């Protein structure tokens, strides 16, 4: 199979949407709020991916502590521009991504966005994309708030993966919300920020619900491993030997076990 065809097939598996119509993603003004442990790498990778596109404008970034914004600007130069306020993102950008620390911060930031939109009503489409980990009902509230303004859409897009995954752009992203908006932003994010999109449909609360399920899976796995390592120590085998067993046999088997649990007729 030719390399370009192979890349097309691989990308179609990673993004469950057809490409948006021209002028498309290159002409959009992108904004990013939140440069924490995950957001910094995600914003950096997105800005880097657009730097090579001649028709793209710098990504406008904002962080509550300006040091992170200044660090990113120093690292990327003209690929980013520092916003002076959240209102600047809401009014100047076509797509605004947020990656924030808590439900309270998300609520406060989107209320600030709403105030800016009320003072300067949009005249063309705007998409707000929250990549934070939040309670699903909060996402519903934010969707109702943002969608009350003309031409505005909200998409939930929590991410799966640790900061090193954000650094290397290997995150998996779950999306729910307006179909056309998801289609537009999916090609912004893959492969620039992540390796795969999971489409959870139009219900805005589904993606954050899946994120919480994923977190529960991690917590359960950690508890199981802790008990297993303790048993290894108590039996005299040793935790390191048990860890070698997990590494060599069981980690890759989890997919098989999960399929058996779902599809078994027992």
C-alpha atoms as a PDB file:
ATOM      1  CA  UNK A   1       0.000   0.000   0.000  1.00  0.00           C
ATOM      2  CA  UNK A   2       1.446   3.437  -0.912  1.00  0.00           C
ATOM      3  CA  UNK A   3       2.564   5.507   2.093  1.00  0.00           C
ATOM      4  CA  UNK A   4       0.118   8.351   1.445  1.00  0.00           C
ATOM      5  CA  UNK A   5      -2.816   5.950   1.143  1.00  0.00           C
ATOM      6  CA  UNK A   6      -1.748   4.143   4.306  1.00  0.00           C
ATOM      7  CA  UNK A   7      -1.584   7.449   6.198  1.00  0.00           C
ATOM      8  CA  UNK A   8      -5.084   8.326   4.934  1.00  0.00           C
ATOM      9  CA  UNK A   9      -6.476   5.012   6.143  1.00  0.00           C
ATOM     10  CA  UNK A  10      -4.760   5.352   9.545  1.00  0.00           C
ATOM     11  CA  UNK A  11      -6.060   8.892   9.951  1.00  0.00           C
ATOM     12  CA  UNK A  12      -9.607   7.841   9.062  1.00  0.00           C
ATOM     13  CA  UNK A  13      -9.451   5.293  11.872  1.00  0.00           C
ATOM     14  CA  UNK A  14      -8.237   7.969  14.286  1.00  0.00           C
ATOM     15  CA  UNK A  15     -10.882  10.575  13.343  1.00  0.00           C
ATOM     16  CA  UNK A  16     -14.481   9.324  12.892  1.00  0.00           C
ATOM     17  CA  UNK A  17     -15.531  12.293  10.764  1.00  0.00           C
ATOM     18  CA  UNK A  18     -15.051  13.351   7.159  1.00  0.00           C
ATOM     19  CA  UNK A  19     -12.909  16.422   6.611  1.00  0.00           C
ATOM     20  CA  UNK A  20     -14.676  19.788   7.075  1.00  0.00           C
ATOM     21  CA  UNK A  21     -15.440  21.868   4.021  1.00  0.00           C
ATOM     22  CA  UNK A  22     -13.049  24.599   2.890  1.00  0.00           C
ATOM     23  CA  UNK A  23     -11.874  27.166   3.908  1.00  0.00           C
ATOM     24  CA  UNK A  24     -11.619  24.790   6.853  1.00  0.00           C
ATOM     25  CA  UNK A  25      -9.370  24.597   9.848  1.00  0.00           C
ATOM     26  CA  UNK A  26      -6.381  26.588   8.593  1.00  0.00           C
ATOM     27  CA  UNK A  27      -8.269  29.907   8.467  1.00  0.00           C
ATOM     28  CA  UNK A  28      -9.672  29.683  11.992  1.00  0.00           C
ATOM     29  CA  UNK A  29      -8.425  31.881  14.822  1.00  0.00           C
ATOM     30  CA  UNK A  30      -7.631  29.540  17.714  1.00  0.00           C
ATOM     31  CA  UNK A  31      -7.534  30.425  21.414  1.00  0.00           C
ATOM     32  CA  UNK A  32      -6.374  28.396  24.408  1.00  0.00           C
ATOM     33  CA  UNK A  33      -7.119  29.021  28.093  1.00  0.00           C
ATOM     34  CA  UNK A  34      -5.192  26.978  30.677  1.00  0.00           C
ATOM     35  CA  UNK A  35      -1.490  26.092  30.559  1.00  0.00           C
ATOM     36  CA  UNK A  36      -1.187  23.629  33.409  1.00  0.00           C
ATOM     37  CA  UNK A  37       0.439  20.194  33.459  1.00  0.00           C
ATOM     38  CA  UNK A  38      -1.627  19.003  30.485  1.00  0.00           C
ATOM     39  CA  UNK A  39      -2.720  22.240  28.855  1.00  0.00           C
ATOM     40  CA  UNK A  40       0.769  23.593  28.304  1.00  0.00           C
ATOM     41  CA  UNK A  41       1.821  20.636  26.155  1.00  0.00           C
ATOM     42  CA  UNK A  42      -1.499  20.486  24.320  1.00  0.00           C
ATOM     43  CA  UNK A  43      -1.435  24.193  23.464  1.00  0.00           C
ATOM     44  CA  UNK A  44       2.217  23.978  22.461  1.00  0.00           C
ATOM     45  CA  UNK A  45       1.644  21.044  20.132  1.00  0.00           C
ATOM     46  CA  UNK A  46      -1.400  22.672  18.567  1.00  0.00           C
ATOM     47  CA  UNK A  47       0.483  25.910  17.955  1.00  0.00           C
ATOM     48  CA  UNK A  48       3.439  24.004  16.509  1.00  0.00           C
ATOM     49  CA  UNK A  49       1.205  22.102  14.111  1.00  0.00           C
ATOM     50  CA  UNK A  50      -0.271  25.323  12.774  1.00  0.00           C
ATOM     51  CA  UNK A  51       3.075  27.094  12.489  1.00  0.00           C
ATOM     52  CA  UNK A  52       3.871  25.134   9.337  1.00  0.00           C
ATOM     53  CA  UNK A  53       0.599  26.204   7.677  1.00  0.00           C
ATOM     54  CA  UNK A  54       1.140  29.459   5.812  1.00  0.00           C
ATOM     55  CA  UNK A  55      -2.460  30.681   6.155  1.00  0.00           C
ATOM     56  CA  UNK A  56      -2.693  30.050   9.889  1.00  0.00           C
ATOM     57  CA  UNK A  57      -2.621  32.767  12.526  1.00  0.00           C
ATOM     58  CA  UNK A  58      -0.882  32.432  15.907  1.00  0.00           C
ATOM     59  CA  UNK A  59      -2.724  30.615  18.671  1.00  0.00           C
ATOM     60  CA  UNK A  60      -3.885  33.142  21.266  1.00  0.00           C
ATOM     61  CA  UNK A  61      -3.152  31.825  24.768  1.00  0.00           C
ATOM     62  CA  UNK A  62      -4.200  32.859  28.262  1.00  0.00           C
ATOM     63  CA  UNK A  63      -3.323  31.584  31.718  1.00  0.00           C
ATOM     64  CA  UNK A  64      -4.207  32.998  35.118  1.00  0.00           C
ATOM     65  CA  UNK A  65      -0.503  33.136  35.991  1.00  0.00           C
ATOM     66  CA  UNK A  66       1.206  34.985  33.164  1.00  0.00           C
ATOM     67  CA  UNK A  67       4.512  33.147  33.641  1.00  0.00           C
ATOM     68  CA  UNK A  68       3.209  30.081  31.793  1.00  0.00           C
ATOM     69  CA  UNK A  69       2.035  32.186  28.850  1.00  0.00           C
ATOM     70  CA  UNK A  70       5.366  33.978  28.700  1.00  0.00           C
ATOM     71  CA  UNK A  71       7.239  30.668  28.844  1.00  0.00           C
ATOM     72  CA  UNK A  72       5.237  29.305  25.918  1.00  0.00           C
ATOM     73  CA  UNK A  73       5.723  32.487  23.916  1.00  0.00           C
ATOM     74  CA  UNK A  74       9.460  32.290  24.538  1.00  0.00           C
ATOM     75  CA  UNK A  75       9.497  28.663  23.413  1.00  0.00           C
ATOM     76  CA  UNK A  76       7.392  29.102  20.257  1.00  0.00           C
ATOM     77  CA  UNK A  77       7.943  32.720  19.255  1.00  0.00           C
ATOM     78  CA  UNK A  78       5.477  33.962  16.645  1.00  0.00           C
ATOM     79  CA  UNK A  79       3.396  30.762  16.787  1.00  0.00           C
ATOM     80  CA  UNK A  80       1.569  32.113  19.849  1.00  0.00           C
ATOM     81  CA  UNK A  81       0.175  35.426  21.008  1.00  0.00           C
ATOM     82  CA  UNK A  82      -0.615  36.207  24.654  1.00  0.00           C
ATOM     83  CA  UNK A  83      -4.173  37.368  25.369  1.00  0.00           C
ATOM     84  CA  UNK A  84      -4.682  40.172  27.847  1.00  0.00           C
ATOM     85  CA  UNK A  85      -7.927  38.748  29.226  1.00  0.00           C
ATOM     86  CA  UNK A  86     -10.358  35.824  28.867  1.00  0.00           C
ATOM     87  CA  UNK A  87     -12.721  38.224  27.123  1.00  0.00           C
ATOM     88  CA  UNK A  88     -10.196  38.606  24.307  1.00  0.00           C
ATOM     89  CA  UNK A  89     -10.343  34.879  23.649  1.00  0.00           C
ATOM     90  CA  UNK A  90     -14.143  34.857  23.631  1.00  0.00           C
ATOM     91  CA  UNK A  91     -14.486  37.790  21.260  1.00  0.00           C
ATOM     92  CA  UNK A  92     -11.526  37.361  18.902  1.00  0.00           C
ATOM     93  CA  UNK A  93     -11.326  33.587  18.433  1.00  0.00           C
ATOM     94  CA  UNK A  94     -13.367  31.218  16.283  1.00  0.00           C
ATOM     95  CA  UNK A  95     -12.410  28.217  18.433  1.00  0.00           C
ATOM     96  CA  UNK A  96     -11.554  28.450  22.138  1.00  0.00           C
ATOM     97  CA  UNK A  97     -10.077  25.469  23.987  1.00  0.00           C
ATOM     98  CA  UNK A  98     -10.044  25.295  27.777  1.00  0.00           C
ATOM     99  CA  UNK A  99      -8.031  22.958  30.000  1.00  0.00           C
ATOM    100  CA  UNK A 100      -8.753  23.857  33.605  1.00  0.00           C
ATOM    101  CA  UNK A 101      -8.156  22.476  37.078  1.00  0.00           C
ATOM    102  CA  UNK A 102     -11.600  21.995  38.581  1.00  0.00           C
ATOM    103  CA  UNK A 103     -15.349  22.318  38.185  1.00  0.00           C
ATOM    104  CA  UNK A 104     -15.298  25.649  40.009  1.00  0.00           C
ATOM    105  CA  UNK A 105     -12.682  27.112  37.694  1.00  0.00           C
ATOM    106  CA  UNK A 106     -14.506  25.864  34.588  1.00  0.00           C
ATOM    107  CA  UNK A 107     -17.754  27.426  35.787  1.00  0.00           C
ATOM    108  CA  UNK A 108     -16.089  30.761  36.546  1.00  0.00           C
ATOM    109  CA  UNK A 109     -14.200  30.910  33.239  1.00  0.00           C
ATOM    110  CA  UNK A 110     -17.259  30.175  31.121  1.00  0.00           C
ATOM    111  CA  UNK A 111     -19.270  32.756  33.041  1.00  0.00           C
ATOM    112  CA  UNK A 112     -16.533  35.249  32.112  1.00  0.00           C
ATOM    113  CA  UNK A 113     -16.813  34.144  28.483  1.00  0.00           C
ATOM    114  CA  UNK A 114     -20.588  34.636  28.646  1.00  0.00           C
ATOM    115  CA  UNK A 115     -20.205  38.191  29.929  1.00  0.00           C
ATOM    116  CA  UNK A 116     -17.862  38.985  27.043  1.00  0.00           C
ATOM    117  CA  UNK A 117     -20.253  37.453  24.504  1.00  0.00           C
ATOM    118  CA  UNK A 118     -23.156  39.426  25.955  1.00  0.00           C
ATOM    119  CA  UNK A 119     -21.208  42.670  25.536  1.00  0.00           C
ATOM    120  CA  UNK A 120     -20.017  41.765  22.035  1.00  0.00           C
ATOM    121  CA  UNK A 121     -22.538  39.377  20.411  1.00  0.00           C
ATOM    122  CA  UNK A 122     -20.910  37.047  17.846  1.00  0.00           C
ATOM    123  CA  UNK A 123     -21.673  37.562  14.177  1.00  0.00           C
ATOM    124  CA  UNK A 124     -20.208  34.241  13.009  1.00  0.00           C
ATOM    125  CA  UNK A 125     -19.772  30.725  14.335  1.00  0.00           C
ATOM    126  CA  UNK A 126     -17.759  30.160  17.515  1.00  0.00           C
ATOM    127  CA  UNK A 127     -16.876  26.823  19.091  1.00  0.00           C
ATOM    128  CA  UNK A 128     -15.900  26.448  22.738  1.00  0.00           C
ATOM    129  CA  UNK A 129     -14.167  23.180  23.601  1.00  0.00           C
ATOM    130  CA  UNK A 130     -13.588  22.069  27.182  1.00  0.00           C
ATOM    131  CA  UNK A 131     -10.883  19.427  27.628  1.00  0.00           C
ATOM    132  CA  UNK A 132     -11.039  19.507  31.442  1.00  0.00           C
ATOM    133  CA  UNK A 133     -12.169  16.676  33.719  1.00  0.00           C
ATOM    134  CA  UNK A 134     -15.474  17.862  35.183  1.00  0.00           C
ATOM    135  CA  UNK A 135     -18.768  16.530  36.474  1.00  0.00           C
ATOM    136  CA  UNK A 136     -21.144  15.808  33.544  1.00  0.00           C
ATOM    137  CA  UNK A 137     -23.958  18.009  34.817  1.00  0.00           C
ATOM    138  CA  UNK A 138     -21.618  21.009  34.858  1.00  0.00           C
ATOM    139  CA  UNK A 139     -20.926  20.420  31.166  1.00  0.00           C
ATOM    140  CA  UNK A 140     -24.680  20.512  30.599  1.00  0.00           C
ATOM    141  CA  UNK A 141     -24.912  23.840  32.388  1.00  0.00           C
ATOM    142  CA  UNK A 142     -22.033  25.305  30.391  1.00  0.00           C
ATOM    143  CA  UNK A 143     -23.580  24.055  27.147  1.00  0.00           C
ATOM    144  CA  UNK A 144     -26.859  25.764  28.002  1.00  0.00           C
ATOM    145  CA  UNK A 145     -25.011  28.990  28.851  1.00  0.00           C
ATOM    146  CA  UNK A 146     -22.841  29.129  25.742  1.00  0.00           C
ATOM    147  CA  UNK A 147     -25.543  27.923  23.350  1.00  0.00           C
ATOM    148  CA  UNK A 148     -27.793  30.776  24.457  1.00  0.00           C
ATOM    149  CA  UNK A 149     -25.653  33.131  22.378  1.00  0.00           C
ATOM    150  CA  UNK A 150     -26.116  33.267  18.609  1.00  0.00           C
ATOM    151  CA  UNK A 151     -23.678  31.239  16.494  1.00  0.00           C
ATOM    152  CA  UNK A 152     -22.050  29.659  19.579  1.00  0.00           C
ATOM    153  CA  UNK A 153     -21.537  25.941  20.165  1.00  0.00           C
ATOM    154  CA  UNK A 154     -20.012  23.959  23.017  1.00  0.00           C
ATOM    155  CA  UNK A 155     -18.168  20.631  22.781  1.00  0.00           C
ATOM    156  CA  UNK A 156     -16.888  18.488  25.635  1.00  0.00           C
ATOM    157  CA  UNK A 157     -13.537  16.875  24.872  1.00  0.00           C
ATOM    158  CA  UNK A 158     -11.863  15.339  27.951  1.00  0.00           C
ATOM    159  CA  UNK A 159      -8.558  13.599  27.304  1.00  0.00           C
ATOM    160  CA  UNK A 160      -7.108  10.270  28.360  1.00  0.00           C
ATOM    161  CA  UNK A 161      -3.409  10.098  29.116  1.00  0.00           C
ATOM    162  CA  UNK A 162      -0.770  11.528  31.482  1.00  0.00           C
ATOM    163  CA  UNK A 163       1.325  14.692  30.974  1.00  0.00           C
ATOM    164  CA  UNK A 164       4.041  12.728  29.098  1.00  0.00           C
ATOM    165  CA  UNK A 165       1.301  11.627  26.689  1.00  0.00           C
ATOM    166  CA  UNK A 166       0.250  15.246  26.247  1.00  0.00           C
ATOM    167  CA  UNK A 167       3.890  16.122  25.595  1.00  0.00           C
ATOM    168  CA  UNK A 168       4.170  13.454  22.886  1.00  0.00           C
ATOM    169  CA  UNK A 169       0.671  14.031  21.442  1.00  0.00           C
ATOM    170  CA  UNK A 170      -0.449  10.453  22.118  1.00  0.00           C
ATOM    171  CA  UNK A 171      -3.643  11.342  24.002  1.00  0.00           C
ATOM    172  CA  UNK A 172      -7.028   9.789  23.282  1.00  0.00           C
ATOM    173  CA  UNK A 173      -9.802  12.374  23.128  1.00  0.00           C
ATOM    174  CA  UNK A 174     -13.504  11.768  23.779  1.00  0.00           C
ATOM    175  CA  UNK A 175     -15.995  14.198  22.212  1.00  0.00           C
ATOM    176  CA  UNK A 176     -19.672  14.914  22.624  1.00  0.00           C
ATOM    177  CA  UNK A 177     -21.817  17.766  21.380  1.00  0.00           C
ATOM    178  CA  UNK A 178     -22.730  19.444  18.117  1.00  0.00           C
ATOM    179  CA  UNK A 179     -21.743  17.215  15.185  1.00  0.00           C
ATOM    180  CA  UNK A 180     -20.459  19.930  12.833  1.00  0.00           C
ATOM    181  CA  UNK A 181     -18.421  21.485  15.627  1.00  0.00           C
ATOM    182  CA  UNK A 182     -16.837  18.150  16.551  1.00  0.00           C
ATOM    183  CA  UNK A 183     -16.004  17.566  12.907  1.00  0.00           C
ATOM    184  CA  UNK A 184     -14.286  20.950  12.699  1.00  0.00           C
ATOM    185  CA  UNK A 185     -12.142  20.566  15.798  1.00  0.00           C
ATOM    186  CA  UNK A 186     -11.284  16.879  15.353  1.00  0.00           C
ATOM    187  CA  UNK A 187      -8.890  17.713  12.540  1.00  0.00           C
ATOM    188  CA  UNK A 188      -7.337  20.444  14.636  1.00  0.00           C
ATOM    189  CA  UNK A 189      -6.549  17.984  17.403  1.00  0.00           C
ATOM    190  CA  UNK A 190      -5.452  14.843  15.553  1.00  0.00           C
ATOM    191  CA  UNK A 191      -2.575  14.253  15.082  1.00  0.00           C
ATOM    192  CA  UNK A 192      -1.415  17.585  16.555  1.00  0.00           C
ATOM    193  CA  UNK A 193      -2.609  16.983  20.127  1.00  0.00           C
ATOM    194  CA  UNK A 194      -3.749  13.358  20.262  1.00  0.00           C
ATOM    195  CA  UNK A 195      -3.781  10.116  18.328  1.00  0.00           C
ATOM    196  CA  UNK A 196      -7.467   9.208  18.345  1.00  0.00           C
ATOM    197  CA  UNK A 197     -10.969  10.670  18.682  1.00  0.00           C
ATOM    198  CA  UNK A 198     -13.831   8.793  20.336  1.00  0.00           C
ATOM    199  CA  UNK A 199     -17.207  10.226  19.271  1.00  0.00           C
ATOM    200  CA  UNK A 200     -19.816   9.936  22.041  1.00  0.00           C
ATOM    201  CA  UNK A 201     -22.657  11.547  20.100  1.00  0.00           C
ATOM    202  CA  UNK A 202     -24.731  14.665  20.628  1.00  0.00           C
ATOM    203  CA  UNK A 203     -25.433  14.402  24.360  1.00  0.00           C
ATOM    204  CA  UNK A 204     -22.947  16.860  25.844  1.00  0.00           C
ATOM    205  CA  UNK A 205     -22.631  14.898  29.099  1.00  0.00           C
ATOM    206  CA  UNK A 206     -21.498  11.597  27.564  1.00  0.00           C
ATOM    207  CA  UNK A 207     -17.804  12.438  27.057  1.00  0.00           C
ATOM    208  CA  UNK A 208     -17.235  13.714  30.620  1.00  0.00           C
ATOM    209  CA  UNK A 209     -19.111  10.639  31.887  1.00  0.00           C
ATOM    210  CA  UNK A 210     -16.733   8.375  29.966  1.00  0.00           C
ATOM    211  CA  UNK A 211     -13.803  10.312  31.433  1.00  0.00           C
ATOM    212  CA  UNK A 212     -15.027   9.606  34.965  1.00  0.00           C
ATOM    213  CA  UNK A 213     -15.487   5.938  34.064  1.00  0.00           C
ATOM    214  CA  UNK A 214     -11.906   5.885  32.796  1.00  0.00           C
ATOM    215  CA  UNK A 215     -10.673   7.458  36.021  1.00  0.00           C
ATOM    216  CA  UNK A 216     -12.585   4.834  38.006  1.00  0.00           C
ATOM    217  CA  UNK A 217     -10.892   2.130  35.947  1.00  0.00           C
ATOM    218  CA  UNK A 218      -7.478   3.566  36.800  1.00  0.00           C
ATOM    219  CA  UNK A 219      -8.320   3.806  40.501  1.00  0.00           C
ATOM    220  CA  UNK A 220      -9.620   0.230  40.517  1.00  0.00           C
ATOM    221  CA  UNK A 221      -6.525  -1.023  38.736  1.00  0.00           C
ATOM    222  CA  UNK A 222      -4.266   0.766  41.208  1.00  0.00           C
ATOM    223  CA  UNK A 223      -6.124  -0.800  44.138  1.00  0.00           C
ATOM    224  CA  UNK A 224      -5.894  -4.259  42.559  1.00  0.00           C
ATOM    225  CA  UNK A 225      -2.169  -3.859  41.867  1.00  0.00           C
ATOM    226  CA  UNK A 226      -1.531  -2.645  45.408  1.00  0.00           C
ATOM    227  CA  UNK A 227      -3.250  -5.711  46.846  1.00  0.00           C
ATOM    228  CA  UNK A 228      -1.391  -7.986  44.426  1.00  0.00           C
ATOM    229  CA  UNK A 229       2.015  -6.523  45.265  1.00  0.00           C
ATOM    230  CA  UNK A 230       1.256  -6.803  48.980  1.00  0.00           C
ATOM    231  CA  UNK A 231       0.362 -10.464  48.502  1.00  0.00           C
ATOM    232  CA  UNK A 232       3.640 -10.946  46.635  1.00  0.00           C
ATOM    233  CA  UNK A 233       5.593  -9.462  49.522  1.00  0.00           C
ATOM    234  CA  UNK A 234       3.694 -11.404  52.185  1.00  0.00           C
ATOM    235  CA  UNK A 235       4.194 -14.698  50.331  1.00  0.00           C
ATOM    236  CA  UNK A 236       7.938 -14.141  50.043  1.00  0.00           C
ATOM    237  CA  UNK A 237       7.901 -13.887  46.250  1.00  0.00           C
ATOM    238  CA  UNK A 238       8.406 -10.145  46.221  1.00  0.00           C
ATOM    239  CA  UNK A 239       6.547  -7.238  44.655  1.00  0.00           C
ATOM    240  CA  UNK A 240       9.134  -6.814  41.872  1.00  0.00           C
ATOM    241  CA  UNK A 241       8.604 -10.403  40.699  1.00  0.00           C
ATOM    242  CA  UNK A 242       4.851  -9.870  40.631  1.00  0.00           C
ATOM    243  CA  UNK A 243       5.398  -6.642  38.693  1.00  0.00           C
ATOM    244  CA  UNK A 244       7.430  -8.576  36.126  1.00  0.00           C
ATOM    245  CA  UNK A 245       4.510 -10.986  35.799  1.00  0.00           C
ATOM    246  CA  UNK A 246       2.098  -8.120  35.236  1.00  0.00           C
ATOM    247  CA  UNK A 247       4.405  -6.556  32.681  1.00  0.00           C
ATOM    248  CA  UNK A 248       5.058  -9.790  30.829  1.00  0.00           C
ATOM    249  CA  UNK A 249       1.642 -11.422  30.833  1.00  0.00           C
ATOM    250  CA  UNK A 250      -1.365  -9.536  32.054  1.00  0.00           C
ATOM    251  CA  UNK A 251      -1.254  -5.947  30.862  1.00  0.00           C
ATOM    252  CA  UNK A 252      -1.780  -6.817  27.199  1.00  0.00           C
ATOM    253  CA  UNK A 253      -4.412  -9.385  28.180  1.00  0.00           C
ATOM    254  CA  UNK A 254      -6.766  -6.796  29.667  1.00  0.00           C
ATOM    255  CA  UNK A 255      -8.230  -6.072  26.222  1.00  0.00           C
ATOM    256  CA  UNK A 256      -8.982  -9.749  25.735  1.00  0.00           C
ATOM    257  CA  UNK A 257     -10.540 -10.054  29.178  1.00  0.00           C
ATOM    258  CA  UNK A 258     -12.695  -6.973  28.569  1.00  0.00           C
ATOM    259  CA  UNK A 259     -14.013  -8.425  25.309  1.00  0.00           C
ATOM    260  CA  UNK A 260     -14.803 -11.690  27.043  1.00  0.00           C
ATOM    261  CA  UNK A 261     -16.713  -9.909  29.803  1.00  0.00           C
ATOM    262  CA  UNK A 262     -18.790  -7.874  27.321  1.00  0.00           C
ATOM    263  CA  UNK A 263     -19.552 -10.557  24.741  1.00  0.00           C
ATOM    264  CA  UNK A 264     -19.595 -13.749  26.823  1.00  0.00           C
ATOM    265  CA  UNK A 265     -22.946 -15.474  26.827  1.00  0.00           C
ATOM    266  CA  UNK A 266     -22.247 -17.098  30.198  1.00  0.00           C
END
